[in-house]
Amino acid sequence: MRLAFMGTPDFAVPSLAELIASGHEIVAVYSQPPRPKGRGQKLTPSPVHAFAEAMGLPVFTPESMKAQEAIDVFKSLDLDAACVVAYGQILKPEVLEAPRLGCFNLHGSLLPRWRGAAPIQRAVMAGDRQTGAQIMRMSEGLDEGAIILSELMDIRADDTAASLGDRMAHVGAALWPRALAAIERGGVTETEQVGEPTYAKKITPAEARIDWSRPAAEVDAHIRGLSPFPGAWFEVEADGEPVRIKALMSALAEGQGASGQVLDDALTVACGTGAVRLIRVQRPGKAAQSADEMLRGFPVSAGMVLDGPRRVEKAEPSDRGPQG
């Protein structure tokens, strides 16, 4: 088939690779424009842009696909279909209707649950046990199109947004050859979404702060769902000043105490009910590291209360083991 691919982040690269390997003719790759990155703020192409160029494919990076010039270029490509994976731009009906067979999107949830920008993060944060990768026909509404193909996926107790996203990128990529073959021969069954939708709104920095008063299972899910970006965080007092620390991995643990109270010398922290043990953390200006590594140079001792200057003199002991 004569295809355009539209995607931007690492999550989309396996899909482009799968389409190339399947022998489809990729006549154009669309991605977000290069953005300033790093200390030097050098313009850096997106992962999809870089991969497509390495494969010798033509890359288009319009600032807006709503611009008439960009729409006219897209329509001139004479496409059979367009495959979209986390492109990051809204497509007008004029674009969606341009390919002969339509535009299709790989979405990272079981629709209509988690329509929107951050379905993988929201699923982990909500404590969902199952999710999936789905290819859907794109429509004007937000992730409202009919489902072409689905693959169910379990969310593991130790999944972060990153680990689940990595698995889903490859699971979803493997759906494209089957979906396109069915679409091309006209034998596809398109299933309309059923049920009350929930929305995966974009993650904001304001919601990243850890609320230790919540139950341990919710705190753990919050930490893992925001890892590695933007990173759930808390503050600990050091030399009279608050230091913001990101928690990148955690596990449920036994123990109880005041919310935010450190229960032992291995960074087990009491929540509203239960406790979590922080496994991987990151201090300002430092690389991510294990909690054990951080504690050797930045002690956070039993009895301290995170996000406050108080110290509890008699902390409840913890067995430091996960509840599973």
Protein backbone atom coordinates (compact mmCIF):
# COMPACT_ATOMS: atom_id res chain seq x y z
CA MET A 1 0.00 0.00 0.00
CA ARG A 2 1.01 3.59 -0.56
CA LEU A 3 1.24 5.06 2.93
CA ALA A 4 2.10 8.13 4.93
CA PHE A 5 3.29 7.63 8.48
CA MET A 6 2.65 10.30 11.11
CA GLY A 7 4.38 10.04 14.49
CA THR A 8 6.85 11.76 16.77
CA PRO A 9 8.17 10.02 19.95
CA ASP A 10 10.11 6.82 20.58
CA PHE A 11 6.79 5.03 21.08
CA ALA A 12 6.04 5.45 17.36
CA VAL A 13 9.35 4.18 15.96
CA PRO A 14 8.56 0.41 16.16
CA SER A 15 5.38 1.01 14.15
CA LEU A 16 7.29 2.75 11.37
CA ALA A 17 9.89 -0.01 11.39
CA GLU A 18 7.15 -2.67 11.14
CA LEU A 19 5.51 -0.93 8.19
CA ILE A 20 8.84 -0.71 6.36
CA ALA A 21 9.58 -4.38 7.05
CA SER A 22 6.12 -5.35 5.78
CA GLY A 23 6.97 -4.02 2.36
CA HIS A 24 4.60 -1.08 2.23
CA GLU A 25 5.59 1.99 0.22
CA ILE A 26 6.16 4.79 2.73
CA VAL A 27 5.99 7.88 0.54
CA ALA A 28 6.08 10.42 3.40
CA VAL A 29 6.82 10.53 7.11
CA TYR A 30 5.29 13.37 9.12
CA SER A 31 6.68 14.39 12.50
CA GLN A 32 6.72 17.37 14.82
CA PRO A 33 9.36 19.98 13.89
CA PRO A 34 12.82 19.80 15.50
CA ARG A 35 12.83 21.37 18.96
CA PRO A 36 15.63 22.94 21.07
CA LYS A 37 17.11 20.35 23.38
CA GLY A 38 19.93 20.03 25.92
CA ARG A 39 22.18 22.64 27.44
CA GLY A 40 23.04 24.15 24.08
CA GLN A 41 19.38 24.22 23.03
CA LYS A 42 20.36 22.74 19.68
CA LEU A 43 17.48 21.98 17.32
CA THR A 44 16.99 18.22 17.54
CA PRO A 45 14.77 16.08 15.31
CA SER A 46 12.19 13.81 16.90
CA PRO A 47 12.95 10.08 17.24
CA VAL A 48 10.65 9.31 14.30
CA HIS A 49 12.25 12.05 12.20
CA ALA A 50 15.75 10.73 12.93
CA PHE A 51 14.78 7.10 12.22
CA ALA A 52 13.00 7.99 8.97
CA GLU A 53 15.99 9.96 7.69
CA ALA A 54 18.29 7.05 8.57
CA MET A 55 16.04 4.81 6.48
CA GLY A 56 16.14 7.24 3.54
CA LEU A 57 12.49 8.28 3.78
CA PRO A 58 11.23 11.81 3.00
CA VAL A 59 10.26 13.69 6.17
CA PHE A 60 7.76 16.53 6.49
CA THR A 61 7.64 18.66 9.64
CA PRO A 62 4.92 21.30 9.26
CA GLU A 63 4.34 23.52 12.29
CA SER A 64 0.62 22.96 11.82
CA MET A 65 -1.33 20.45 9.77
CA LYS A 66 -4.20 22.94 9.87
CA ALA A 67 -2.34 25.23 7.46
CA GLN A 68 -3.79 25.01 3.96
CA GLU A 69 -0.36 24.60 2.39
CA ALA A 70 0.33 21.53 4.56
CA ILE A 71 -3.11 20.11 3.74
CA ASP A 72 -2.57 20.58 0.02
CA VAL A 73 0.81 18.82 0.14
CA PHE A 74 -0.75 15.89 2.05
CA LYS A 75 -3.61 15.59 -0.44
CA SER A 76 -1.15 15.59 -3.35
CA LEU A 77 0.55 12.41 -2.08
CA ASP A 78 -2.22 10.19 -3.53
CA LEU A 79 -2.24 7.90 -0.49
CA ASP A 80 -4.01 4.61 0.10
CA ALA A 81 -3.91 5.20 3.86
CA ALA A 82 -2.16 7.09 6.63
CA CYS A 83 -0.89 5.41 9.80
CA VAL A 84 -0.78 7.68 12.85
CA VAL A 85 1.03 6.98 16.13
CA ALA A 86 1.38 9.76 18.73
CA TYR A 87 1.84 12.43 16.08
CA GLY A 88 0.89 15.29 18.38
CA GLN A 89 -1.25 17.35 16.02
CA ILE A 90 -4.98 17.49 15.40
CA LEU A 91 -5.95 16.48 11.86
CA LYS A 92 -8.80 18.28 10.14
CA PRO A 93 -11.51 16.33 8.27
CA GLU A 94 -9.93 17.44 4.99
CA VAL A 95 -6.77 15.54 5.99
CA LEU A 96 -8.60 12.51 7.41
CA GLU A 97 -10.56 12.10 4.17
CA ALA A 98 -7.62 12.53 1.79
CA PRO A 99 -6.26 8.93 1.69
CA ARG A 100 -8.32 6.49 -0.39
CA LEU A 101 -8.99 4.13 2.54
CA GLY A 102 -8.73 6.62 5.41
CA CYS A 103 -6.46 7.49 8.33
CA PHE A 104 -5.83 5.00 11.13
CA ASN A 105 -4.40 5.50 14.61
CA LEU A 106 -2.64 3.26 17.11
CA HIS A 107 -4.01 4.11 20.56
CA GLY A 108 -2.60 2.95 23.90
CA SER A 109 -5.74 1.90 25.78
CA LEU A 110 -8.96 -0.07 25.48
CA LEU A 111 -11.31 2.59 24.19
CA PRO A 112 -13.45 4.33 25.24
CA ARG A 113 -11.43 4.18 28.46
CA TRP A 114 -8.62 6.73 28.44
CA ARG A 115 -9.32 8.78 25.37
CA GLY A 116 -6.78 11.56 25.02
CA ALA A 117 -3.13 12.46 25.36
CA ALA A 118 -1.81 10.27 28.20
CA PRO A 119 -3.59 6.87 28.20
CA ILE A 120 -0.60 4.80 29.34
CA GLN A 121 0.27 7.06 32.27
CA ARG A 122 -3.35 7.40 33.36
CA ALA A 123 -3.95 3.64 33.27
CA VAL A 124 -0.98 2.98 35.58
CA MET A 125 -1.87 5.91 37.85
CA ALA A 126 -5.44 4.64 38.19
CA GLY A 127 -4.28 1.17 39.22
CA ASP A 128 -5.83 -0.51 36.16
CA ARG A 129 -4.98 -4.19 35.88
CA GLN A 130 -5.50 -4.43 32.12
CA THR A 131 -5.12 -2.22 29.09
CA GLY A 132 -4.41 -2.78 25.42
CA ALA A 133 -3.24 -1.53 22.05
CA GLN A 134 -5.90 -0.70 19.50
CA ILE A 135 -5.91 0.40 15.89
CA MET A 136 -8.89 2.61 15.13
CA ARG A 137 -10.26 4.53 12.20
CA MET A 138 -9.69 8.21 12.86
CA SER A 139 -12.66 10.55 13.05
CA GLU A 140 -13.07 14.22 13.85
CA GLY A 141 -13.84 13.53 17.53
CA LEU A 142 -11.14 12.81 20.12
CA ASP A 143 -10.34 9.08 19.86
CA GLU A 144 -13.97 8.32 19.00
CA GLY A 145 -13.45 6.23 15.87
CA ALA A 146 -14.40 2.60 15.25
CA ILE A 147 -11.98 -0.11 16.42
CA ILE A 148 -10.23 -2.16 13.74
CA LEU A 149 -7.98 -4.46 15.82
CA SER A 150 -7.13 -4.90 19.51
CA GLU A 151 -4.55 -6.69 21.65
CA LEU A 152 -5.16 -7.01 25.40
CA MET A 153 -2.26 -6.41 27.77
CA ASP A 154 -1.87 -6.96 31.50
CA ILE A 155 -0.47 -4.14 33.62
CA ARG A 156 2.08 -5.66 35.97
CA ALA A 157 2.50 -4.69 39.61
CA ASP A 158 5.97 -3.31 38.84
CA ASP A 159 5.09 -1.55 35.58
CA THR A 160 5.98 2.09 35.13
CA ALA A 161 4.62 4.25 32.35
CA ALA A 162 7.96 3.67 30.60
CA SER A 163 8.00 -0.14 30.86
CA LEU A 164 4.35 -0.48 29.84
CA GLY A 165 4.87 1.99 27.00
CA ASP A 166 7.89 0.07 25.71
CA ARG A 167 5.92 -3.18 25.60
CA MET A 168 2.88 -1.54 24.07
CA ALA A 169 4.93 0.13 21.34
CA HIS A 170 5.98 -3.30 20.04
CA VAL A 171 2.62 -5.00 20.65
CA GLY A 172 0.89 -2.19 18.79
CA ALA A 173 3.42 -2.16 15.97
CA ALA A 174 2.72 -5.85 15.31
CA LEU A 175 -0.97 -5.04 14.71
CA TRP A 176 -0.35 -2.86 11.66
CA PRO A 177 0.31 -5.57 9.03
CA ARG A 178 -2.85 -7.49 9.96
CA ALA A 179 -4.98 -4.36 10.20
CA LEU A 180 -3.82 -2.95 6.86
CA ALA A 181 -4.25 -6.28 5.09
CA ALA A 182 -7.85 -6.50 6.29
CA ILE A 183 -8.53 -2.87 5.39
CA GLU A 184 -7.07 -3.31 1.89
CA ARG A 185 -9.14 -6.39 1.05
CA GLY A 186 -12.29 -4.83 2.49
CA GLY A 187 -12.80 -7.61 4.99
CA VAL A 188 -12.34 -5.64 8.16
CA THR A 189 -15.02 -5.46 10.86
CA GLU A 190 -15.15 -2.00 12.37
CA THR A 191 -16.56 -2.02 15.89
CA GLU A 192 -18.02 1.14 17.35
CA GLN A 193 -16.93 2.02 20.86
CA VAL A 194 -19.35 1.07 23.63
CA GLY A 195 -19.56 2.40 27.17
CA GLU A 196 -18.94 5.59 29.09
CA PRO A 197 -15.66 7.23 28.03
CA THR A 198 -12.96 8.34 30.43
CA TYR A 199 -10.38 10.92 29.45
CA ALA A 200 -6.60 10.76 29.77
CA LYS A 201 -5.89 14.45 30.10
CA LYS A 202 -2.34 15.67 29.64
CA ILE A 203 -0.16 15.33 32.74
CA THR A 204 0.47 18.66 34.45
CA PRO A 205 3.44 19.45 36.73
CA ALA A 206 1.05 20.44 39.51
CA GLU A 207 -0.27 16.89 39.94
CA ALA A 208 3.18 15.29 40.16
CA ARG A 209 3.68 16.03 43.86
CA ILE A 210 3.16 12.95 46.03
CA ASP A 211 0.29 13.09 48.50
CA TRP A 212 1.41 10.79 51.30
CA SER A 213 -2.05 10.91 52.91
CA ARG A 214 -3.44 8.70 50.16
CA PRO A 215 -3.52 4.89 50.55
CA ALA A 216 -0.23 3.16 49.76
CA ALA A 217 -1.61 1.44 46.63
CA GLU A 218 -2.59 4.83 45.20
CA VAL A 219 0.76 6.42 46.06
CA ASP A 220 2.61 3.50 44.46
CA ALA A 221 0.49 3.72 41.29
CA HIS A 222 1.00 7.49 41.18
CA ILE A 223 4.79 7.10 41.35
CA ARG A 224 4.96 4.39 38.71
CA GLY A 225 2.51 6.12 36.38
CA LEU A 226 4.60 9.29 36.32
CA SER A 227 7.93 7.52 35.80
CA PRO A 228 10.12 8.65 34.22
CA PHE A 229 8.32 11.81 33.09
CA PRO A 230 7.52 14.16 34.62
CA GLY A 231 8.41 12.19 37.76
CA ALA A 232 6.41 12.14 40.98
CA TRP A 233 8.22 14.14 43.65
CA PHE A 234 8.44 14.97 47.32
CA GLU A 235 10.56 17.31 49.41
CA VAL A 236 12.90 16.51 52.26
CA GLU A 237 14.58 19.06 54.48
CA ALA A 238 18.38 19.22 54.24
CA ASP A 239 20.46 21.93 55.98
CA GLY A 240 17.27 23.84 56.65
CA GLU A 241 16.23 23.95 53.01
CA PRO A 242 13.71 21.80 51.10
CA VAL A 243 15.24 19.52 48.47
CA ARG A 244 12.91 18.18 45.78
CA ILE A 245 13.47 14.50 45.00
CA LYS A 246 11.78 12.51 42.24
CA ALA A 247 10.53 9.03 43.05
CA LEU A 248 10.87 6.90 39.92
CA MET A 249 10.11 3.43 41.26
CA SER A 250 8.38 2.09 44.34
CA ALA A 251 6.76 -1.00 45.79
CA LEU A 252 4.15 -1.68 48.44
CA ALA A 253 5.59 -2.39 51.88
CA GLU A 254 4.39 -3.14 55.40
CA GLY A 255 4.45 -0.57 58.17
CA GLN A 256 2.42 2.31 59.46
CA GLY A 257 2.94 5.79 60.82
CA ALA A 258 2.12 9.41 60.18
CA SER A 259 1.65 10.23 56.49
CA GLY A 260 5.05 10.90 54.96
CA GLN A 261 6.95 9.47 57.92
CA VAL A 262 10.12 7.57 57.03
CA LEU A 263 9.83 4.21 58.78
CA ASP A 264 13.34 2.81 58.39
CA ASP A 265 16.75 3.50 56.90
CA ALA A 266 15.78 2.02 53.52
CA LEU A 267 13.32 4.77 52.56
CA THR A 268 10.08 3.03 53.45
CA VAL A 269 7.48 5.76 53.84
CA ALA A 270 4.12 5.65 55.62
CA CYS A 271 1.03 6.60 53.66
CA GLY A 272 -2.57 7.26 54.70
CA THR A 273 -2.90 3.51 55.02
CA GLY A 274 0.04 1.15 54.55
CA ALA A 275 3.46 2.15 53.24
CA VAL A 276 5.61 2.22 50.13
CA ARG A 277 9.33 1.61 49.76
CA LEU A 278 11.09 3.93 47.35
CA ILE A 279 13.40 1.95 45.07
CA ARG A 280 14.69 4.43 42.51
CA VAL A 281 15.03 8.19 42.99
CA GLN A 282 16.60 11.28 41.47
CA ARG A 283 17.96 14.39 43.16
CA PRO A 284 18.18 17.78 41.43
CA GLY A 285 21.06 17.88 38.97
CA LYS A 286 21.85 14.20 39.51
CA ALA A 287 21.29 11.07 37.48
CA ALA A 288 18.61 8.62 38.58
CA GLN A 289 19.93 6.12 41.12
CA SER A 290 18.78 3.44 43.51
CA ALA A 291 17.49 4.63 46.87
CA ASP A 292 20.35 2.73 48.55
CA GLU A 293 22.91 4.67 46.49
CA MET A 294 21.31 8.00 47.31
CA LEU A 295 21.09 7.25 51.02
CA ARG A 296 24.84 6.63 51.22
CA GLY A 297 25.52 10.25 50.32
CA PHE A 298 22.23 11.91 51.24
CA PRO A 299 20.85 10.35 54.42
CA VAL A 300 17.12 10.30 54.99
CA SER A 301 16.78 8.65 58.38
CA ALA A 302 13.91 6.88 60.12
CA GLY A 303 11.63 9.32 61.88
CA MET A 304 11.92 12.12 59.33
CA VAL A 305 8.72 13.31 57.71
CA LEU A 306 8.86 13.99 54.00
CA ASP A 307 7.42 17.30 52.80
CA GLY A 308 7.84 18.83 56.23
CA PRO A 309 10.41 19.78 58.88
CA ARG A 310 8.90 17.59 61.60
CA ARG A 311 10.64 14.53 62.98
CA VAL A 312 8.77 11.66 64.61
CA GLU A 313 10.92 10.30 67.41
CA LYS A 314 9.45 6.79 67.51
CA ALA A 315 8.86 5.41 64.05
CA GLU A 316 6.97 2.18 63.52
CA PRO A 317 9.35 -0.54 62.34
CA SER A 318 8.94 -1.89 58.83
CA ASP A 319 9.81 -5.31 57.47
CA ARG A 320 10.95 -3.48 54.28
CA GLY A 321 9.34 -6.19 52.17
CA PRO A 322 6.79 -5.65 49.44
CA GLN A 323 3.26 -6.94 49.91
CA GLY A 324 3.24 -8.18 46.33
